[in-house]
Protein backbone atom coordinates (compact mmCIF):
# COMPACT_ATOMS: atom_id res chain seq x y z
CA UNK A 1 1.62 2.10 11.11
CA UNK A 2 2.86 0.33 7.99
CA UNK A 3 6.20 -1.41 7.43
CA UNK A 4 6.29 -0.39 3.78
CA UNK A 5 6.60 3.05 2.23
CA UNK A 6 3.90 2.18 -0.30
CA UNK A 7 0.60 0.83 1.02
CA UNK A 8 -1.27 -1.90 -0.88
CA UNK A 9 -4.78 -3.05 -0.14
CA UNK A 10 -8.08 -4.07 -1.67
CA UNK A 11 -11.70 -2.98 -1.54
CA UNK A 12 -14.08 -5.49 0.03
CA UNK A 13 -17.85 -5.80 -0.15
CA UNK A 14 -20.03 -4.83 2.80
CA UNK A 15 -23.13 -6.58 1.42
CA UNK A 16 -24.89 -8.71 4.00
CA UNK A 17 -24.99 -11.69 1.66
CA UNK A 18 -21.25 -11.63 0.95
CA UNK A 19 -19.78 -11.69 4.44
CA UNK A 20 -18.42 -15.23 4.13
CA UNK A 21 -16.51 -13.98 1.08
CA UNK A 22 -15.35 -10.90 3.03
CA UNK A 23 -13.79 -13.08 5.70
CA UNK A 24 -12.29 -15.50 3.19
CA UNK A 25 -10.70 -12.73 1.11
CA UNK A 26 -9.40 -10.76 4.08
CA UNK A 27 -7.79 -13.88 5.54
CA UNK A 28 -6.23 -14.58 2.14
CA UNK A 29 -4.93 -10.99 1.93
CA UNK A 30 -3.57 -11.23 5.47
CA UNK A 31 -1.64 -14.42 4.63
CA UNK A 32 -0.38 -12.94 1.36
CA UNK A 33 1.05 -9.81 2.98
CA UNK A 34 -1.28 -7.00 1.89
CA UNK A 35 -1.44 -3.97 4.16
CA UNK A 36 -5.13 -3.18 4.42
CA UNK A 37 -8.69 -3.81 3.31
CA UNK A 38 -11.43 -1.24 2.95
CA UNK A 39 -15.21 -1.20 3.15
CA UNK A 40 -17.65 1.58 2.32
CA UNK A 41 -19.92 3.32 4.84
CA UNK A 42 -23.58 3.57 3.85
CA UNK A 43 -25.67 2.96 7.01
CA UNK A 44 -28.92 3.92 5.25
CA UNK A 45 -28.79 0.75 3.11
CA UNK A 46 -30.39 -2.14 4.96
CA UNK A 47 -28.68 -4.81 2.85
CA UNK A 48 -25.18 -3.85 4.05
CA UNK A 49 -23.41 -4.51 7.32
CA UNK A 50 -22.25 -1.61 9.44
CA UNK A 51 -18.78 -0.65 8.23
CA UNK A 52 -17.19 -0.47 11.68
CA UNK A 53 -18.78 -3.74 12.76
CA UNK A 54 -17.24 -5.34 9.66
CA UNK A 55 -13.84 -3.81 10.42
CA UNK A 56 -13.87 -5.07 13.99
CA UNK A 57 -15.02 -8.54 12.96
CA UNK A 58 -12.20 -8.90 10.42
CA UNK A 59 -9.49 -7.42 12.64
CA UNK A 60 -10.36 -10.00 15.26
CA UNK A 61 -9.60 -12.81 12.82
CA UNK A 62 -6.48 -11.50 11.08
CA UNK A 63 -2.92 -10.81 12.23
CA UNK A 64 -1.42 -7.90 10.29
CA UNK A 65 -4.07 -6.55 7.90
CA UNK A 66 -5.32 -3.05 8.73
CA UNK A 67 -8.91 -1.89 8.27
CA UNK A 68 -10.11 1.29 6.55
CA UNK A 69 -13.64 2.62 6.19
CA UNK A 70 -13.41 4.16 2.72
CA UNK A 71 -14.66 6.70 3.74
CA UNK A 72 -16.52 7.25 6.99
CA UNK A 73 -19.85 9.01 6.53
CA UNK A 74 -18.98 11.60 9.16
CA UNK A 75 -22.44 13.25 9.45
CA UNK A 76 -23.78 9.88 10.65
CA UNK A 77 -20.88 9.20 13.06
CA UNK A 78 -20.85 11.60 16.03
CA UNK A 79 -17.21 12.64 16.27
CA UNK A 80 -16.57 11.96 20.00
CA UNK A 81 -18.09 8.49 19.65
CA UNK A 82 -16.18 7.85 16.43
CA UNK A 83 -13.01 8.79 18.33
CA UNK A 84 -13.79 6.10 20.91
CA UNK A 85 -14.57 3.58 18.17
CA UNK A 86 -11.32 4.00 16.26
CA UNK A 87 -9.07 4.23 19.32
CA UNK A 88 -10.74 1.12 20.75
CA UNK A 89 -10.25 -0.78 17.49
CA UNK A 90 -6.64 0.40 17.41
CA UNK A 91 -6.02 -0.79 20.97
CA UNK A 92 -7.69 -4.15 20.35
CA UNK A 93 -5.87 -4.80 17.06
CA UNK A 94 -2.41 -3.47 17.82
CA UNK A 95 -2.84 -0.30 15.77
CA UNK A 96 -4.31 -1.86 12.62
CA UNK A 97 -6.77 0.93 11.80
CA UNK A 98 -6.80 3.84 9.38
CA UNK A 99 -9.54 6.45 9.76
CA UNK A 100 -11.05 7.38 6.42
CA UNK A 101 -13.16 10.55 6.60
CA UNK A 102 -15.68 12.15 4.25
CA UNK A 103 -17.92 15.18 4.65
CA UNK A 104 -21.00 13.30 3.44
CA UNK A 105 -22.40 13.23 -0.06
CA UNK A 106 -25.84 11.57 -0.27
CA UNK A 107 -27.67 14.11 1.87
CA UNK A 108 -31.16 12.86 0.99
CA UNK A 109 -30.13 9.48 2.43
CA UNK A 110 -28.29 11.04 5.37
CA UNK A 111 -31.19 13.28 6.37
CA UNK A 112 -33.55 10.30 6.07
CA UNK A 113 -31.61 8.84 9.02
CA UNK A 114 -32.70 11.83 11.14
CA UNK A 115 -29.58 13.96 10.79
CA UNK A 116 -30.23 17.63 10.00
CA UNK A 117 -29.11 18.56 6.50
CA UNK A 118 -26.06 20.83 6.40
CA UNK A 119 -25.14 23.30 3.70
CA UNK A 120 -22.01 22.18 1.82
CA UNK A 121 -19.73 24.70 3.55
CA UNK A 122 -21.07 23.77 6.98
CA UNK A 123 -20.65 20.07 6.22
CA UNK A 124 -16.96 20.64 5.44
CA UNK A 125 -16.53 22.72 8.59
CA UNK A 126 -18.02 19.86 10.62
CA UNK A 127 -15.79 17.35 8.82
CA UNK A 128 -12.62 19.31 9.64
CA UNK A 129 -13.70 19.91 13.23
CA UNK A 130 -14.44 16.20 13.63
CA UNK A 131 -10.91 15.29 12.54
CA UNK A 132 -9.40 17.81 14.95
CA UNK A 133 -11.54 16.57 17.84
CA UNK A 134 -10.83 12.90 17.13
CA UNK A 135 -7.10 13.61 17.26
CA UNK A 136 -7.57 15.50 20.54
CA UNK A 137 -9.37 12.48 22.02
CA UNK A 138 -6.39 10.19 21.38
CA UNK A 139 -2.81 9.97 22.59
CA UNK A 140 -3.43 10.30 26.32
CA UNK A 141 -2.89 13.41 28.38
CA UNK A 142 -5.20 15.49 30.56
CA UNK A 143 -8.95 15.74 29.95
CA UNK A 144 -9.97 18.10 27.18
CA UNK A 145 -12.80 20.54 26.72
CA UNK A 146 -13.78 21.40 23.17
CA UNK A 147 -16.28 24.14 22.35
CA UNK A 148 -16.76 24.07 18.59
CA UNK A 149 -19.43 25.03 16.09
CA UNK A 150 -20.54 21.43 15.63
CA UNK A 151 -19.19 19.43 18.59
CA UNK A 152 -18.82 20.00 22.29
CA UNK A 153 -17.12 17.88 24.91
CA UNK A 154 -16.42 18.87 28.48
CA UNK A 155 -13.53 17.50 30.53
CA UNK A 156 -13.26 14.22 28.56
CA UNK A 157 -10.12 12.10 28.94
CA UNK A 158 -8.36 11.15 25.68
CA UNK A 159 -7.80 7.47 25.02
CA UNK A 160 -4.24 6.40 25.92
CA UNK A 161 -3.48 5.21 22.38
CA UNK A 162 -2.36 7.27 19.37
CA UNK A 163 -4.89 8.55 16.88
CA UNK A 164 -4.90 6.43 13.71
CA UNK A 165 -3.78 8.01 10.44
CA UNK A 166 -6.60 10.05 8.90
CA UNK A 167 -7.15 9.76 5.14
CA UNK A 168 -9.88 11.86 3.53
CA UNK A 169 -12.04 11.52 0.46
CA UNK A 170 -12.01 15.28 -0.18
CA UNK A 171 -13.18 16.68 -3.51
CA UNK A 172 -14.09 20.39 -3.36
CA UNK A 173 -11.61 23.20 -2.73
CA UNK A 174 -12.73 23.84 0.85
CA UNK A 175 -12.54 20.14 1.73
CA UNK A 176 -9.15 19.78 0.04
CA UNK A 177 -7.87 22.74 2.04
CA UNK A 178 -9.08 21.07 5.24
CA UNK A 179 -7.21 17.93 4.21
CA UNK A 180 -4.01 19.93 3.86
CA UNK A 181 -4.48 21.45 7.30
CA UNK A 182 -5.40 18.44 9.39
CA UNK A 183 -5.26 15.07 7.55
CA UNK A 184 -2.51 12.52 6.93
CA UNK A 185 -3.61 11.23 3.54
CA UNK A 186 -5.96 11.83 0.63
CA UNK A 187 -7.97 9.39 -1.49
CA UNK A 188 -8.97 11.11 -4.77
CA UNK A 189 -12.64 10.64 -5.55
CA UNK A 190 -14.30 8.76 -8.41
CA UNK A 191 -11.35 6.42 -8.94
CA UNK A 192 -9.23 9.30 -10.24
CA UNK A 193 -5.54 8.54 -10.65
CA UNK A 194 -2.27 10.47 -11.00
CA UNK A 195 -2.87 11.26 -14.68
CA UNK A 196 -6.35 12.71 -14.13
CA UNK A 197 -7.41 16.33 -14.23
CA UNK A 198 -8.93 15.83 -10.77
CA UNK A 199 -5.55 14.93 -9.31
CA UNK A 200 -3.64 17.68 -11.15
CA UNK A 201 -6.04 20.37 -9.99
CA UNK A 202 -6.65 19.06 -6.47
CA UNK A 203 -3.30 18.01 -5.06
CA UNK A 204 -1.78 21.52 -5.27
CA UNK A 205 -4.64 22.82 -3.11
CA UNK A 206 -3.76 20.28 -0.42
CA UNK A 207 -0.07 21.11 -0.64
CA UNK A 208 -0.64 24.87 -0.41
CA UNK A 209 -2.92 24.48 2.61
CA UNK A 210 -0.43 22.18 4.32
CA UNK A 211 2.44 24.62 3.78
CA UNK A 212 0.33 27.53 5.04
CA UNK A 213 -0.40 25.53 8.21
CA UNK A 214 3.32 24.86 8.75
CA UNK A 215 3.09 21.23 7.69
CA UNK A 216 5.24 19.29 5.23
CA UNK A 217 3.05 18.66 2.16
CA UNK A 218 5.08 15.55 1.41
CA UNK A 219 3.91 13.97 4.65
CA UNK A 220 0.34 13.75 3.33
CA UNK A 221 -0.02 10.50 1.42
CA UNK A 222 -2.01 10.12 -1.81
CA UNK A 223 -3.72 6.72 -1.85
CA UNK A 224 -5.67 5.65 -4.91
CA UNK A 225 -8.81 3.58 -5.16
CA UNK A 226 -7.65 1.79 -8.30
CA UNK A 227 -9.98 -0.41 -10.37
CA UNK A 228 -8.84 -2.63 -13.21
CA UNK A 229 -8.55 -6.12 -14.61
CA UNK A 230 -5.48 -8.33 -14.18
CA UNK A 231 -5.15 -10.26 -17.44
CA UNK A 232 -3.18 -13.36 -18.42
CA UNK A 233 -1.69 -11.64 -21.46
CA UNK A 234 -0.59 -8.06 -22.12
CA UNK A 235 -3.22 -5.69 -23.49
CA UNK A 236 -2.57 -3.55 -26.55
CA UNK A 237 -3.77 -0.52 -24.56
CA UNK A 238 -3.93 -0.30 -20.76
CA UNK A 239 -6.01 2.90 -20.77
CA UNK A 240 -9.24 3.76 -22.57
CA UNK A 241 -9.94 6.67 -24.89
CA UNK A 242 -10.56 8.89 -21.87
CA UNK A 243 -7.23 8.01 -20.33
CA UNK A 244 -8.64 5.84 -17.53
CA UNK A 245 -6.76 2.71 -16.52
CA UNK A 246 -8.32 -0.52 -17.80
CA UNK A 247 -5.76 -3.02 -16.55
CA UNK A 248 -3.36 -5.42 -18.16
CA UNK A 249 -0.91 -8.20 -17.44
CA UNK A 250 1.09 -8.45 -14.24
CA UNK A 251 4.07 -6.80 -15.94
CA UNK A 252 1.89 -3.96 -17.22
CA UNK A 253 0.49 -3.34 -13.72
CA UNK A 254 3.99 -3.34 -12.25
CA UNK A 255 5.25 -0.88 -14.85
CA UNK A 256 2.29 1.45 -14.39
CA UNK A 257 2.32 1.53 -10.60
CA UNK A 258 6.10 1.74 -10.31
CA UNK A 259 5.92 4.80 -12.53
CA UNK A 260 3.11 6.23 -10.42
CA UNK A 261 5.31 5.98 -7.34
CA UNK A 262 8.57 7.12 -8.87
CA UNK A 263 7.27 9.85 -11.15
CA UNK A 264 4.09 11.06 -9.43
CA UNK A 265 4.65 10.41 -5.72
CA UNK A 266 1.84 7.88 -5.26
CA UNK A 267 1.99 6.27 -1.83
CA UNK A 268 -0.80 3.71 -1.84
CA UNK A 269 -3.17 1.66 -4.00
CA UNK A 270 -6.44 -0.01 -3.06
CA UNK A 271 -7.43 -2.57 -5.69
CA UNK A 272 -10.99 -2.85 -6.98
CA UNK A 273 -12.48 -4.80 -9.85
CA UNK A 274 -13.05 -3.05 -13.17
CA UNK A 275 -16.64 -2.25 -12.18
CA UNK A 276 -15.62 -0.88 -8.80
CA UNK A 277 -16.44 -4.02 -6.81
CA UNK A 278 -14.33 -6.61 -5.03
CA UNK A 279 -11.76 -8.55 -7.05
CA UNK A 280 -12.09 -12.32 -7.29
CA UNK A 281 -9.75 -14.46 -5.19
CA UNK A 282 -7.49 -15.36 -8.15
CA UNK A 283 -6.95 -11.72 -9.11
CA UNK A 284 -6.47 -10.76 -5.47
CA UNK A 285 -3.81 -13.47 -5.19
CA UNK A 286 -1.99 -12.19 -8.28
CA UNK A 287 -2.15 -8.66 -6.87
CA UNK A 288 -0.72 -9.71 -3.51
CA UNK A 289 1.76 -12.36 -4.62
CA UNK A 290 2.99 -11.10 -8.00
CA UNK A 291 2.32 -7.39 -8.58
CA UNK A 292 2.87 -6.01 -5.07
CA UNK A 293 6.18 -7.83 -4.36
CA UNK A 294 7.60 -6.71 -7.71
CA UNK A 295 6.80 -3.07 -6.93
CA UNK A 296 8.09 -3.32 -3.37
CA UNK A 297 11.45 -4.56 -4.62
CA UNK A 298 12.03 -1.24 -6.33
CA UNK A 299 10.71 1.03 -3.56
CA UNK A 300 12.29 2.62 -0.46
CA UNK A 301 11.78 0.65 2.72
CA UNK A 302 9.64 2.84 4.93
CA UNK A 303 7.89 6.13 5.51
CA UNK A 304 7.66 7.80 8.90
């Protein structure tokens, strides 16, 4: 999927009034050698474009940049249809899709779209089953029949293209366990990084579940949504009193992220602005052309 062991991307806006900027920034990122862009998935907001429509639009106008919905609101995306969406985008783009998956969080909004509300445990069960079914409906082979608790397909042919990598936004223990069993990557929630309590308490759950399922825990990437400011001069402190990353100069970013990879096993970073939005074009250029190349020079060439 990716030429580099460590994946670098940026978070883009899905607001209807910023789509010219979305295209401009994704084309810039494509030229500058970033690996992916991401958009959020909130179909209940009328002032945002559909996440998968945005992904398809951008993939059609770029050459190497991959698209990630960060993360798919799975209760609002019927799993068999989502399987067709992502395998179609993969076929049309030459494999430039990552499937981000979430169990759904804003249930008042979700149910307002006409989807029956699920209890938290049932929502995670549906999330895990969706991932399993999507993988079954990719990679070719004979037609499949799936009789699950939440989804049913009968004698449906898989698409003749591989399933994209699946990265989850899991938070709770049950969801983290599902990630360990069936996913390919994990995006810690709430902008948590490798020094956070959330990471320290959550990643072992994924690893234990993976090992119990006969999988290599090391094959499951950890990719961070990582907000911060890229400054012209070094900051006296790059983290706040709560230990959260603020940002710093190019050299400070390189030092921090190189340490995250070498000491904590980080395998991807998706850049956001300090307030969680899209970075400006100058900062995105410094990310792609200064920070990322410096980190790549010190990293191994590729992951399987």
